[in-house]
Amino acid sequence: MIVVMAAKGYPGKYRNGSEINGLDAAGAVDGVVVFHAGTTLAEGKVVASGGRVLGVTAIGKDVREAQARAYAAVDLIDWSEGFCRRDIGWRAVKR
């Protein structure tokens, strides 16, 4: 399951250059890999450089576990200018 973290304002106007922290902690969650889509390094810091910025990807024994892991990782990411939907996977979990 992938939860996309986007820049506030996306798909409209958004600000580039906001710092993103907590990526190591998020990537350390069991079954999680954080893919970068709209990031860059600026002075040794990871900063946003696009609208759809991170893909927080998780696997689990079932969809419910993958969803829980993905959102646990999202919650460890410290990015004041970012957001994500909180309903990803709900249809599959409901089944």
Foldseek 3Di string as FASTA:
>chain_A
DKWWKFFPQPVHDGDWDFFKDQQVVLCPQPFWDKDADAWDADPNTIIGHDTRGIIIFGDDPALVVRLVSSVVSVVRMDTPRIDTDNCPPVVRVVD
